[in-house]
N, C-alpha and C. Protein backbone atom coordinates (compact mmCIF):
# COMPACT_ATOMS: atom_id res chain seq x y z
N MET A 1 104.05 171.45 88.18
CA MET A 1 103.14 171.87 89.34
C MET A 1 102.07 170.80 89.58
N VAL A 2 101.62 169.94 88.45
CA VAL A 2 100.60 169.24 88.94
C VAL A 2 101.32 167.71 89.49
N GLN A 3 102.54 167.54 89.04
CA GLN A 3 103.36 166.48 89.64
C GLN A 3 103.53 166.54 90.77
N LEU A 4 103.93 167.76 91.31
CA LEU A 4 103.89 168.01 92.69
C LEU A 4 102.82 167.83 93.47
N ALA A 5 101.82 168.15 93.11
CA ALA A 5 100.23 168.06 93.40
C ALA A 5 100.18 166.80 93.90
N LEU A 6 100.12 165.80 92.91
CA LEU A 6 100.22 164.56 92.59
C LEU A 6 100.97 163.51 93.81
N LYS A 7 101.90 164.39 94.28
CA LYS A 7 102.80 163.37 95.22
C LYS A 7 102.46 164.04 96.26
N ILE A 8 101.99 165.21 96.58
CA ILE A 8 101.59 165.38 97.94
C ILE A 8 100.63 164.43 98.19
N ARG A 9 99.35 164.69 97.42
CA ARG A 9 98.22 163.67 97.72
C ARG A 9 98.79 162.74 97.93
N GLU A 10 99.41 161.68 97.20
CA GLU A 10 100.12 160.43 97.41
C GLU A 10 100.56 160.45 98.51
N ALA A 11 101.59 161.10 98.97
CA ALA A 11 102.36 161.02 100.30
C ALA A 11 101.46 160.93 101.45
N ARG A 12 100.17 161.64 101.38
CA ARG A 12 99.12 161.73 102.72
C ARG A 12 98.39 160.53 102.40
N GLU A 13 97.81 160.00 101.22
CA GLU A 13 97.07 159.05 101.41
C GLU A 13 98.01 157.74 101.87
N TRP A 14 99.32 157.48 101.23
CA TRP A 14 100.53 156.47 101.86
C TRP A 14 100.34 156.73 103.35
N LYS A 15 100.25 157.44 104.15
CA LYS A 15 100.48 157.86 105.36
C LYS A 15 99.06 157.43 105.90
N GLY A 16 98.13 157.59 105.54
CA GLY A 16 96.67 157.40 105.81
C GLY A 16 96.05 158.64 106.80
N ILE A 17 96.37 159.72 106.23
CA ILE A 17 95.86 161.03 107.00
C ILE A 17 94.77 161.59 105.98
N THR A 18 93.91 161.93 106.77
CA THR A 18 92.73 162.74 105.82
C THR A 18 93.51 164.02 105.39
N GLN A 19 92.60 164.52 104.69
CA GLN A 19 93.00 165.96 104.19
C GLN A 19 92.89 167.06 105.56
N VAL A 20 91.57 166.92 106.39
CA VAL A 20 91.64 167.56 107.54
C VAL A 20 92.66 167.63 108.38
N ALA A 21 93.05 166.32 108.74
CA ALA A 21 94.01 166.26 109.45
C ALA A 21 95.47 166.67 109.28
N MET A 22 95.79 166.52 107.98
CA MET A 22 96.90 167.44 107.21
C MET A 22 96.66 168.62 107.60
N ALA A 23 95.84 169.44 107.15
CA ALA A 23 95.76 170.68 107.24
C ALA A 23 95.98 170.99 108.74
N LYS A 24 95.43 170.72 109.35
CA LYS A 24 95.48 170.64 111.03
C LYS A 24 96.92 170.70 111.35
N GLN A 25 97.49 169.66 111.03
CA GLN A 25 99.17 169.26 111.59
C GLN A 25 99.81 170.35 110.62
N LEU A 26 99.54 170.84 109.66
CA LEU A 26 100.35 171.91 108.79
C LEU A 26 100.05 173.25 109.69
N GLY A 27 99.05 173.59 110.30
CA GLY A 27 98.71 174.70 110.73
C GLY A 27 97.61 175.42 109.69
N VAL A 28 97.48 175.19 108.79
CA VAL A 28 96.50 175.94 107.51
C VAL A 28 94.87 175.52 107.42
N ALA A 29 94.26 176.13 106.63
CA ALA A 29 92.90 175.98 106.79
C ALA A 29 92.68 174.93 105.61
N ARG A 30 91.74 174.04 105.76
CA ARG A 30 91.51 172.98 104.68
C ARG A 30 91.61 173.54 103.49
N GLN A 31 90.91 174.48 102.83
CA GLN A 31 91.14 174.96 101.60
C GLN A 31 92.38 175.00 101.17
N THR A 32 93.28 175.62 101.89
CA THR A 32 94.63 176.28 101.91
C THR A 32 95.31 174.98 101.16
N TYR A 33 95.02 173.59 102.17
CA TYR A 33 95.76 172.46 101.80
C TYR A 33 95.08 171.86 100.56
N LEU A 34 93.95 172.42 100.52
CA LEU A 34 93.17 171.42 99.31
C LEU A 34 93.77 172.25 97.86
N ASP A 35 94.13 173.53 97.89
CA ASP A 35 94.62 173.98 96.83
C ASP A 35 96.01 173.58 96.41
N LEU A 36 97.08 173.09 97.60
CA LEU A 36 98.20 172.34 97.21
C LEU A 36 98.12 171.12 96.63
N GLU A 37 96.89 170.39 96.85
CA GLU A 37 96.52 168.91 96.34
C GLU A 37 96.29 168.98 94.93
N SER A 38 95.42 170.13 94.83
CA SER A 38 94.83 169.98 93.60
C SER A 38 95.39 170.69 92.12
N GLY A 39 96.81 171.19 92.88
CA GLY A 39 97.66 172.23 91.83
C GLY A 39 97.51 173.40 91.69
N LYS A 40 96.34 173.93 92.68
CA LYS A 40 95.92 175.48 92.23
C LYS A 40 97.09 176.27 92.74
N THR A 41 97.83 175.92 93.79
CA THR A 41 99.13 176.97 94.24
C THR A 41 100.06 175.68 94.32
N GLU A 42 101.31 176.37 94.61
CA GLU A 42 102.63 175.52 94.76
C GLU A 42 103.01 176.07 96.11
N PRO A 43 103.34 175.07 96.98
CA PRO A 43 103.81 175.04 98.22
C PRO A 43 105.13 175.72 98.32
N ARG A 44 105.42 176.30 99.34
CA ARG A 44 106.70 177.19 99.84
C ARG A 44 107.34 176.23 100.53
N VAL A 45 108.69 176.32 100.36
CA VAL A 45 109.65 175.28 100.81
C VAL A 45 109.38 175.01 102.13
N LEU A 46 109.33 175.85 103.25
CA LEU A 46 109.07 175.26 104.26
C LEU A 46 107.94 174.30 104.61
N MET A 47 106.88 174.65 103.68
CA MET A 47 105.87 173.64 103.89
C MET A 47 105.49 172.33 103.40
N LEU A 48 106.41 172.55 102.32
CA LEU A 48 106.94 171.27 101.60
C LEU A 48 107.70 170.27 102.53
N LEU A 49 108.69 171.00 103.01
CA LEU A 49 109.58 170.36 104.19
C LEU A 49 108.67 169.73 105.33
N ASN A 50 107.84 170.74 105.60
CA ASN A 50 106.57 169.95 106.91
C ASN A 50 105.98 168.82 106.43
N ILE A 51 105.44 169.03 105.03
CA ILE A 51 104.68 168.00 104.53
C ILE A 51 105.37 166.65 104.41
N ALA A 52 106.43 166.78 104.20
CA ALA A 52 107.75 165.59 103.93
C ALA A 52 108.08 164.88 105.46
N LYS A 53 108.26 165.99 106.41
CA LYS A 53 108.18 165.08 107.68
C LYS A 53 107.12 164.38 108.35
N ILE A 54 105.93 164.99 107.96
CA ILE A 54 104.88 164.44 108.40
C ILE A 54 104.24 163.15 107.51
N THR A 55 104.73 163.18 106.42
CA THR A 55 104.17 161.88 105.84
C THR A 55 105.28 160.60 105.68
N GLY A 56 106.77 161.20 106.19
CA GLY A 56 107.59 160.15 106.43
C GLY A 56 108.26 160.06 104.67
N ARG A 57 108.02 160.93 103.78
CA ARG A 57 108.87 160.80 102.49
C ARG A 57 110.15 161.85 102.45
N SER A 58 110.96 161.58 101.68
CA SER A 58 111.96 162.38 101.60
C SER A 58 111.88 163.52 100.75
N LEU A 59 112.31 164.97 100.81
CA LEU A 59 112.19 166.01 100.29
C LEU A 59 112.50 165.36 98.55
N SER A 60 113.31 164.68 98.36
CA SER A 60 113.86 164.68 96.70
C SER A 60 112.49 163.79 96.31
N TRP A 61 112.19 163.13 97.24
CA TRP A 61 110.87 162.27 96.73
C TRP A 61 109.71 163.19 95.86
N PHE A 62 109.37 164.13 96.55
CA PHE A 62 108.60 165.52 96.09
C PHE A 62 109.30 166.19 94.86
N LEU A 63 110.67 166.08 94.75
CA LEU A 63 110.86 166.91 93.65
C LEU A 63 111.54 166.13 92.29
N TYR A 64 111.85 164.77 92.70
CA TYR A 64 112.30 164.40 91.34
C TYR A 64 111.39 163.33 90.91
N ASP A 65 111.60 163.20 89.70
CA ASP A 65 110.90 161.94 88.96
C ASP A 65 111.07 160.69 89.26
N ASP A 66 110.47 160.28 90.30
CA ASP A 66 110.90 158.53 90.42
C ASP A 66 110.16 157.86 89.66
N GLY A 67 109.65 158.05 88.60
CA GLY A 67 109.43 157.04 87.42
C GLY A 67 110.77 156.30 86.68
N ASN A 68 112.14 157.02 87.12
CA ASN A 68 113.10 156.37 86.90
C ASN A 68 113.71 155.43 88.30
N PRO A 69 113.72 154.32 87.81
CA PRO A 69 114.14 153.48 89.11
C PRO A 69 114.86 153.49 89.87
N GLU A 70 116.17 154.34 89.28
CA GLU A 70 117.28 154.67 90.35
C GLU A 70 116.73 155.57 91.29
N TYR A 71 115.84 156.69 90.75
CA TYR A 71 115.36 157.52 92.12
C TYR A 71 114.24 157.11 92.75
N GLY A 72 113.70 155.89 92.81
CA GLY A 72 112.70 155.08 93.51
C GLY A 72 113.40 154.40 94.21
N ASP A 73 114.60 153.75 94.15
CA ASP A 73 115.61 152.89 94.93
C ASP A 73 115.88 154.29 95.87
N ILE A 74 116.46 155.01 95.50
CA ILE A 74 117.11 155.94 96.48
C ILE A 74 116.32 156.76 97.23
N ASN A 75 115.16 156.82 97.04
CA ASN A 75 113.97 157.61 97.82
C ASN A 75 113.41 156.29 98.99
N ARG A 76 113.41 155.01 98.32
CA ARG A 76 113.05 154.07 99.18
C ARG A 76 114.40 154.06 100.54
N LEU A 77 115.65 153.66 100.11
CA LEU A 77 116.92 153.87 100.91
C LEU A 77 117.00 154.98 101.60
N SER A 78 116.35 156.30 101.36
CA SER A 78 116.21 157.48 102.04
C SER A 78 115.09 157.41 103.25
N MET A 79 114.06 156.89 103.27
CA MET A 79 112.76 156.75 103.81
C MET A 79 113.26 155.96 104.98
N LEU A 80 113.87 154.48 104.26
CA LEU A 80 113.94 153.69 105.68
C LEU A 80 115.38 154.26 106.85
N TYR A 81 116.06 155.34 105.93
CA TYR A 81 117.20 155.82 106.98
C TYR A 81 116.61 156.61 107.52
N ALA A 82 115.80 157.16 107.33
CA ALA A 82 115.18 158.62 108.18
C ALA A 82 114.46 158.09 109.44
N GLN A 83 113.82 156.41 109.26
CA GLN A 83 113.19 155.87 110.50
C GLN A 83 114.05 155.50 111.60
N MET A 84 115.30 155.46 111.29
CA MET A 84 116.40 154.92 112.10
C MET A 84 116.86 155.85 113.13
N PRO A 85 116.93 155.50 114.38
CA PRO A 85 117.53 156.21 115.22
C PRO A 85 118.98 157.07 114.87
N SER A 86 119.12 158.21 115.13
CA SER A 86 120.28 158.76 114.52
C SER A 86 121.87 158.17 114.82
N PRO A 87 121.88 157.71 115.97
CA PRO A 87 123.26 157.18 116.03
C PRO A 87 123.55 155.64 115.14
N LEU A 88 122.38 155.12 115.07
CA LEU A 88 122.56 153.75 114.09
C LEU A 88 122.43 154.14 112.64
N ARG A 89 121.78 155.22 112.43
CA ARG A 89 121.46 155.92 111.04
C ARG A 89 123.12 156.15 110.47
N TYR A 90 123.71 156.96 111.37
CA TYR A 90 124.84 157.44 111.29
C TYR A 90 126.12 156.20 110.77
N LYS A 91 125.84 155.18 111.41
CA LYS A 91 126.79 154.37 111.80
C LYS A 91 126.59 153.48 110.27
N MET A 92 125.29 153.04 109.93
CA MET A 92 124.78 152.42 108.75
C MET A 92 125.31 153.39 107.68
N VAL A 93 125.10 154.52 107.42
CA VAL A 93 125.52 155.32 106.30
C VAL A 93 126.96 155.57 106.20
N GLU A 94 127.80 155.31 106.88
CA GLU A 94 128.90 155.35 107.07
C GLU A 94 129.52 153.72 106.61
N GLN A 95 129.18 153.14 106.94
CA GLN A 95 129.23 151.67 106.60
C GLN A 95 128.92 151.40 104.91
N ASN A 96 127.83 151.84 104.66
CA ASN A 96 127.18 151.70 103.29
C ASN A 96 128.14 152.50 102.47
N ILE A 97 128.88 153.80 102.63
CA ILE A 97 129.37 154.54 101.90
C ILE A 97 130.91 153.91 101.76
N ASN A 98 130.95 153.14 102.72
CA ASN A 98 132.59 152.63 102.40
C ASN A 98 132.43 151.32 101.39
N LEU A 99 131.10 150.67 101.83
CA LEU A 99 131.01 149.29 101.06
C LEU A 99 130.92 149.95 99.25
N ILE A 100 129.97 150.93 99.54
CA ILE A 100 129.62 151.35 97.68
C ILE A 100 130.91 152.27 97.34
N SER A 101 131.67 152.55 97.83
CA SER A 101 133.22 153.34 97.47
C SER A 101 133.85 152.05 96.98
N SER A 102 134.26 150.90 97.88
CA SER A 102 134.81 149.81 97.76
C SER A 102 134.17 149.32 96.35
N CYS A 103 132.84 149.10 96.23
CA CYS A 103 132.34 148.47 94.81
C CYS A 103 132.54 149.09 93.68
N LEU A 104 132.58 150.47 93.91
CA LEU A 104 132.95 151.32 92.48
C LEU A 104 134.34 151.15 92.33
N GLU A 105 135.49 151.02 93.25
CA GLU A 105 136.68 151.27 92.80
C GLU A 105 136.86 149.80 92.09
N TYR A 106 136.38 148.91 92.60
CA TYR A 106 136.71 147.31 92.15
C TYR A 106 136.00 147.25 90.61
N ALA A 107 134.74 147.83 90.69
CA ALA A 107 134.25 147.87 88.98
C ALA A 107 134.85 148.62 88.15
N LEU A 108 135.53 150.20 88.51
CA LEU A 108 136.59 150.77 87.80
C LEU A 108 137.73 150.20 87.34
N ASP A 109 138.45 149.30 88.49
CA ASP A 109 139.63 148.68 87.70
C ASP A 109 139.28 147.41 86.91
N LYS A 110 137.99 146.92 87.02
CA LYS A 110 137.82 145.84 86.15
C LYS A 110 137.78 146.28 84.84
N HIS A 111 137.39 147.36 84.45
CA HIS A 111 136.79 147.89 83.27
C HIS A 111 138.00 148.91 82.72
N GLN A 112 139.47 148.77 83.41
CA GLN A 112 140.35 149.70 82.77
C GLN A 112 141.27 148.80 82.32
């Protein structure tokens, strides 16, 4: 729970939002929000989804250990996709899925 609390604080600071402003955007009392950042209480799923939306971080960024470089790259890519307009994002995702699938097929064929 402490790890999650640290990530909530990091996401807020990364976005440049004060604790008071974050509490206001979430529709909770400042103390309630402070309890989330301190690890005193654990956020409900809906609260965490709202924090993710406000800070521009993906939900997976909060939930998984990004000390692993693989997660860091995936989270960074996810955040970039989230900033794109939907029609462009869908097109880019489709193209990248095709590219990655082709690369995997090629790599697997080379190792067989």
